[in-house]
């Protein structure tokens, strides 16, 4: 084998070795990214399940208060805390650019709307309305209306969360 043949063989071997390492790196990155995406989707689905259970509890608690108002039972109380609504993986999902892979922009808007609606301000208002009724500061109809509205907001959030969970699949 001549010197030029050895150089050519070395260059070809080096080139294919380099290309092979690039392909392996690309495959490794693709698999890693896919695993991270699947993990984030699974974590988001778990978070959505948690929120669904929470919304159902809040809906039941408010329904119980509405029934107590209807029965003039002023011993009822309402303990809802929207701070417990999980948002961590939803934020990660958005920040990693995955939201557009699963949701239409209108779905994203609706999701943001209900997440903003269920805030500490709305929970405080509902609790204050119940307390005002208990203290005979407002009419039964006003308390009933306020709590019914809050329950409707929670029902909307529940429906939207179930819808999103169905759309976001690994």
C-alpha atoms as a PDB file:
ATOM      1  CA  UNK A   1       0.000   0.000   0.000  1.00  0.00           C
ATOM      2  CA  UNK A   2       1.426   3.344  -0.985  1.00  0.00           C
ATOM      3  CA  UNK A   3       1.650   6.417   1.158  1.00  0.00           C
ATOM      4  CA  UNK A   4      -1.161   8.200  -0.721  1.00  0.00           C
ATOM      5  CA  UNK A   5      -3.404   5.122  -0.379  1.00  0.00           C
ATOM      6  CA  UNK A   6      -2.758   5.085   3.379  1.00  0.00           C
ATOM      7  CA  UNK A   7      -3.630   8.793   3.642  1.00  0.00           C
ATOM      8  CA  UNK A   8      -6.794   8.272   1.601  1.00  0.00           C
ATOM      9  CA  UNK A   9      -7.799   5.253   3.691  1.00  0.00           C
ATOM     10  CA  UNK A  10      -7.159   7.221   6.899  1.00  0.00           C
ATOM     11  CA  UNK A  11      -9.190  10.198   5.649  1.00  0.00           C
ATOM     12  CA  UNK A  12     -12.081   7.959   4.580  1.00  0.00           C
ATOM     13  CA  UNK A  13     -12.016   6.102   7.890  1.00  0.00           C
ATOM     14  CA  UNK A  14     -11.865   9.353   9.851  1.00  0.00           C
ATOM     15  CA  UNK A  15     -14.690  10.860   7.803  1.00  0.00           C
ATOM     16  CA  UNK A  16     -16.980   7.867   8.314  1.00  0.00           C
ATOM     17  CA  UNK A  17     -16.021   7.688  11.988  1.00  0.00           C
ATOM     18  CA  UNK A  18     -16.888  11.360  12.403  1.00  0.00           C
ATOM     19  CA  UNK A  19     -20.171  10.948  10.512  1.00  0.00           C
ATOM     20  CA  UNK A  20     -21.009   7.877  12.588  1.00  0.00           C
ATOM     21  CA  UNK A  21     -20.381   9.772  15.813  1.00  0.00           C
ATOM     22  CA  UNK A  22     -22.625  12.615  14.572  1.00  0.00           C
ATOM     23  CA  UNK A  23     -25.399  10.136  13.783  1.00  0.00           C
ATOM     24  CA  UNK A  24     -25.033   8.520  17.219  1.00  0.00           C
ATOM     25  CA  UNK A  25     -25.079  11.941  18.885  1.00  0.00           C
ATOM     26  CA  UNK A  26     -28.201  12.924  16.920  1.00  0.00           C
ATOM     27  CA  UNK A  27     -29.935   9.651  17.840  1.00  0.00           C
ATOM     28  CA  UNK A  28     -28.993  10.084  21.517  1.00  0.00           C
ATOM     29  CA  UNK A  29     -30.299  13.671  21.548  1.00  0.00           C
ATOM     30  CA  UNK A  30     -33.519  12.629  19.800  1.00  0.00           C
ATOM     31  CA  UNK A  31     -34.123   9.824  22.292  1.00  0.00           C
ATOM     32  CA  UNK A  32     -33.306  12.106  25.249  1.00  0.00           C
ATOM     33  CA  UNK A  33     -35.623  14.839  23.971  1.00  0.00           C
ATOM     34  CA  UNK A  34     -38.372  12.300  23.327  1.00  0.00           C
ATOM     35  CA  UNK A  35     -37.996  10.889  26.846  1.00  0.00           C
ATOM     36  CA  UNK A  36     -38.122  14.383  28.347  1.00  0.00           C
ATOM     37  CA  UNK A  37     -41.226  15.209  26.314  1.00  0.00           C
ATOM     38  CA  UNK A  38     -42.965  11.984  27.351  1.00  0.00           C
ATOM     39  CA  UNK A  39     -42.015  12.591  30.969  1.00  0.00           C
ATOM     40  CA  UNK A  40     -43.370  16.135  30.861  1.00  0.00           C
ATOM     41  CA  UNK A  41     -46.600  14.983  29.195  1.00  0.00           C
ATOM     42  CA  UNK A  42     -47.067  12.251  31.806  1.00  0.00           C
ATOM     43  CA  UNK A  43     -46.361  14.696  34.630  1.00  0.00           C
ATOM     44  CA  UNK A  44     -48.826  17.193  33.143  1.00  0.00           C
ATOM     45  CA  UNK A  45     -51.491  14.486  32.888  1.00  0.00           C
ATOM     46  CA  UNK A  46     -50.858  13.580  36.534  1.00  0.00           C
ATOM     47  CA  UNK A  47     -51.169  17.259  37.462  1.00  0.00           C
ATOM     48  CA  UNK A  48     -54.411  17.518  35.502  1.00  0.00           C
ATOM     49  CA  UNK A  49     -55.778  14.448  37.323  1.00  0.00           C
ATOM     50  CA  UNK A  50     -54.938  16.127  40.617  1.00  0.00           C
ATOM     51  CA  UNK A  51     -56.716  19.314  39.517  1.00  0.00           C
ATOM     52  CA  UNK A  52     -59.761  17.361  38.324  1.00  0.00           C
ATOM     53  CA  UNK A  53     -60.099  15.774  41.772  1.00  0.00           C
ATOM     54  CA  UNK A  54     -59.677  19.199  43.373  1.00  0.00           C
ATOM     55  CA  UNK A  55     -62.329  20.800  41.145  1.00  0.00           C
ATOM     56  CA  UNK A  56     -64.753  17.999  41.953  1.00  0.00           C
ATOM     57  CA  UNK A  57     -64.165  18.542  45.657  1.00  0.00           C
ATOM     58  CA  UNK A  58     -64.668  22.300  45.323  1.00  0.00           C
ATOM     59  CA  UNK A  59     -67.824  21.750  43.286  1.00  0.00           C
ATOM     60  CA  UNK A  60     -69.198  19.389  45.951  1.00  0.00           C
ATOM     61  CA  UNK A  61     -68.306  21.825  48.762  1.00  0.00           C
ATOM     62  CA  UNK A  62     -70.015  24.744  47.032  1.00  0.00           C
ATOM     63  CA  UNK A  63     -73.062  22.611  46.180  1.00  0.00           C
ATOM     64  CA  UNK A  64     -73.329  21.680  49.852  1.00  0.00           C
ATOM     65  CA  UNK A  65     -73.232  25.368  50.799  1.00  0.00           C
ATOM     66  CA  UNK A  66     -75.882  26.195  48.204  1.00  0.00           C
ATOM     67  CA  UNK A  67     -78.101  23.468  49.636  1.00  0.00           C
ATOM     68  CA  UNK A  68     -77.546  24.829  53.150  1.00  0.00           C
ATOM     69  CA  UNK A  69     -78.488  28.321  51.983  1.00  0.00           C
ATOM     70  CA  UNK A  70     -81.667  26.864  50.476  1.00  0.00           C
ATOM     71  CA  UNK A  71     -82.437  25.197  53.810  1.00  0.00           C
ATOM     72  CA  UNK A  72     -81.526  28.352  55.810  1.00  0.00           C
ATOM     73  CA  UNK A  73     -78.781  26.404  57.596  1.00  0.00           C
ATOM     74  CA  UNK A  74     -76.375  29.122  58.709  1.00  0.00           C
ATOM     75  CA  UNK A  75     -73.942  26.668  60.310  1.00  0.00           C
ATOM     76  CA  UNK A  76     -72.382  25.868  56.948  1.00  0.00           C
ATOM     77  CA  UNK A  77     -68.898  26.980  55.965  1.00  0.00           C
ATOM     78  CA  UNK A  78     -66.865  27.053  52.783  1.00  0.00           C
ATOM     79  CA  UNK A  79     -63.194  26.217  52.587  1.00  0.00           C
ATOM     80  CA  UNK A  80     -61.873  26.460  49.044  1.00  0.00           C
ATOM     81  CA  UNK A  81     -58.309  27.429  48.327  1.00  0.00           C
ATOM     82  CA  UNK A  82     -57.419  27.950  44.685  1.00  0.00           C
ATOM     83  CA  UNK A  83     -53.750  28.176  45.613  1.00  0.00           C
ATOM     84  CA  UNK A  84     -53.765  24.356  45.670  1.00  0.00           C
ATOM     85  CA  UNK A  85     -54.500  24.209  41.938  1.00  0.00           C
ATOM     86  CA  UNK A  86     -51.343  22.744  40.441  1.00  0.00           C
ATOM     87  CA  UNK A  87     -49.713  24.731  37.651  1.00  0.00           C
ATOM     88  CA  UNK A  88     -46.045  23.713  37.703  1.00  0.00           C
ATOM     89  CA  UNK A  89     -46.056  21.191  34.847  1.00  0.00           C
ATOM     90  CA  UNK A  90     -48.535  23.261  32.841  1.00  0.00           C
ATOM     91  CA  UNK A  91     -46.016  26.115  32.958  1.00  0.00           C
ATOM     92  CA  UNK A  92     -43.171  23.745  32.022  1.00  0.00           C
ATOM     93  CA  UNK A  93     -45.282  22.381  29.175  1.00  0.00           C
ATOM     94  CA  UNK A  94     -45.780  25.909  27.868  1.00  0.00           C
ATOM     95  CA  UNK A  95     -42.157  26.990  28.370  1.00  0.00           C
ATOM     96  CA  UNK A  96     -40.835  23.946  26.519  1.00  0.00           C
ATOM     97  CA  UNK A  97     -42.955  24.850  23.500  1.00  0.00           C
ATOM     98  CA  UNK A  98     -45.068  21.707  23.656  1.00  0.00           C
ATOM     99  CA  UNK A  99     -48.424  23.398  23.996  1.00  0.00           C
ATOM    100  CA  UNK A 100     -48.760  24.083  20.272  1.00  0.00           C
ATOM    101  CA  UNK A 101     -48.131  20.382  19.552  1.00  0.00           C
ATOM    102  CA  UNK A 102     -51.270  19.412  21.443  1.00  0.00           C
ATOM    103  CA  UNK A 103     -53.606  22.390  21.718  1.00  0.00           C
ATOM    104  CA  UNK A 104     -55.140  24.833  19.312  1.00  0.00           C
ATOM    105  CA  UNK A 105     -54.530  28.485  20.189  1.00  0.00           C
ATOM    106  CA  UNK A 106     -58.220  28.859  21.146  1.00  0.00           C
ATOM    107  CA  UNK A 107     -57.859  25.949  23.594  1.00  0.00           C
ATOM    108  CA  UNK A 108     -54.834  27.666  25.092  1.00  0.00           C
ATOM    109  CA  UNK A 109     -56.816  30.893  25.518  1.00  0.00           C
ATOM    110  CA  UNK A 110     -59.681  29.056  27.232  1.00  0.00           C
ATOM    111  CA  UNK A 111     -57.196  27.259  29.504  1.00  0.00           C
ATOM    112  CA  UNK A 112     -55.572  30.559  30.494  1.00  0.00           C
ATOM    113  CA  UNK A 113     -58.976  32.175  31.052  1.00  0.00           C
ATOM    114  CA  UNK A 114     -60.163  29.663  33.615  1.00  0.00           C
ATOM    115  CA  UNK A 115     -56.788  29.505  35.343  1.00  0.00           C
ATOM    116  CA  UNK A 116     -57.009  33.271  35.815  1.00  0.00           C
ATOM    117  CA  UNK A 117     -60.687  33.129  36.817  1.00  0.00           C
ATOM    118  CA  UNK A 118     -60.053  30.696  39.646  1.00  0.00           C
ATOM    119  CA  UNK A 119     -57.973  33.064  41.711  1.00  0.00           C
ATOM    120  CA  UNK A 120     -57.620  33.990  45.344  1.00  0.00           C
ATOM    121  CA  UNK A 121     -59.881  36.974  44.676  1.00  0.00           C
ATOM    122  CA  UNK A 122     -62.779  34.861  43.436  1.00  0.00           C
ATOM    123  CA  UNK A 123     -62.435  32.349  46.264  1.00  0.00           C
ATOM    124  CA  UNK A 124     -62.349  35.198  48.782  1.00  0.00           C
ATOM    125  CA  UNK A 125     -65.478  36.744  47.259  1.00  0.00           C
ATOM    126  CA  UNK A 126     -67.389  33.451  47.451  1.00  0.00           C
ATOM    127  CA  UNK A 127     -66.395  32.906  51.090  1.00  0.00           C
ATOM    128  CA  UNK A 128     -67.244  36.529  51.953  1.00  0.00           C
ATOM    129  CA  UNK A 129     -70.665  36.217  50.312  1.00  0.00           C
ATOM    130  CA  UNK A 130     -71.426  33.109  52.347  1.00  0.00           C
ATOM    131  CA  UNK A 131     -70.261  34.827  55.517  1.00  0.00           C
ATOM    132  CA  UNK A 132     -72.346  37.926  54.729  1.00  0.00           C
ATOM    133  CA  UNK A 133     -75.413  35.714  54.303  1.00  0.00           C
ATOM    134  CA  UNK A 134     -74.638  33.924  57.571  1.00  0.00           C
ATOM    135  CA  UNK A 135     -74.402  37.340  59.275  1.00  0.00           C
ATOM    136  CA  UNK A 136     -77.714  38.350  57.632  1.00  0.00           C
ATOM    137  CA  UNK A 137     -75.998  41.175  55.742  1.00  0.00           C
ATOM    138  CA  UNK A 138     -77.200  40.027  52.311  1.00  0.00           C
ATOM    139  CA  UNK A 139     -80.262  38.232  50.986  1.00  0.00           C
ATOM    140  CA  UNK A 140     -80.415  34.525  50.466  1.00  0.00           C
ATOM    141  CA  UNK A 141     -80.816  35.038  46.693  1.00  0.00           C
ATOM    142  CA  UNK A 142     -77.615  37.089  46.501  1.00  0.00           C
ATOM    143  CA  UNK A 143     -75.558  34.470  48.326  1.00  0.00           C
ATOM    144  CA  UNK A 144     -77.156  31.728  46.254  1.00  0.00           C
ATOM    145  CA  UNK A 145     -76.362  33.612  43.043  1.00  0.00           C
ATOM    146  CA  UNK A 146     -72.740  34.263  44.024  1.00  0.00           C
ATOM    147  CA  UNK A 147     -72.070  30.667  44.983  1.00  0.00           C
ATOM    148  CA  UNK A 148     -73.881  29.342  41.917  1.00  0.00           C
ATOM    149  CA  UNK A 149     -71.677  31.527  39.736  1.00  0.00           C
ATOM    150  CA  UNK A 150     -68.548  30.257  41.485  1.00  0.00           C
ATOM    151  CA  UNK A 151     -69.728  26.660  41.061  1.00  0.00           C
ATOM    152  CA  UNK A 152     -70.310  27.317  37.353  1.00  0.00           C
ATOM    153  CA  UNK A 153     -66.735  28.612  37.059  1.00  0.00           C
ATOM    154  CA  UNK A 154     -65.434  25.462  38.703  1.00  0.00           C
ATOM    155  CA  UNK A 155     -67.570  23.284  36.429  1.00  0.00           C
ATOM    156  CA  UNK A 156     -66.151  25.075  33.400  1.00  0.00           C
ATOM    157  CA  UNK A 157     -62.630  24.548  34.729  1.00  0.00           C
ATOM    158  CA  UNK A 158     -63.395  20.882  35.310  1.00  0.00           C
ATOM    159  CA  UNK A 159     -64.722  20.401  31.765  1.00  0.00           C
ATOM    160  CA  UNK A 160     -61.773  22.237  30.249  1.00  0.00           C
ATOM    161  CA  UNK A 161     -59.251  20.273  32.309  1.00  0.00           C
ATOM    162  CA  UNK A 162     -60.786  16.967  31.227  1.00  0.00           C
ATOM    163  CA  UNK A 163     -60.762  18.185  27.616  1.00  0.00           C
ATOM    164  CA  UNK A 164     -57.090  19.186  27.849  1.00  0.00           C
ATOM    165  CA  UNK A 165     -56.161  15.894  29.474  1.00  0.00           C
ATOM    166  CA  UNK A 166     -57.811  14.037  26.603  1.00  0.00           C
ATOM    167  CA  UNK A 167     -55.862  16.125  24.057  1.00  0.00           C
ATOM    168  CA  UNK A 168     -52.491  15.776  25.782  1.00  0.00           C
ATOM    169  CA  UNK A 169     -51.507  12.167  25.272  1.00  0.00           C
ATOM    170  CA  UNK A 170     -48.018  10.679  25.230  1.00  0.00           C
END
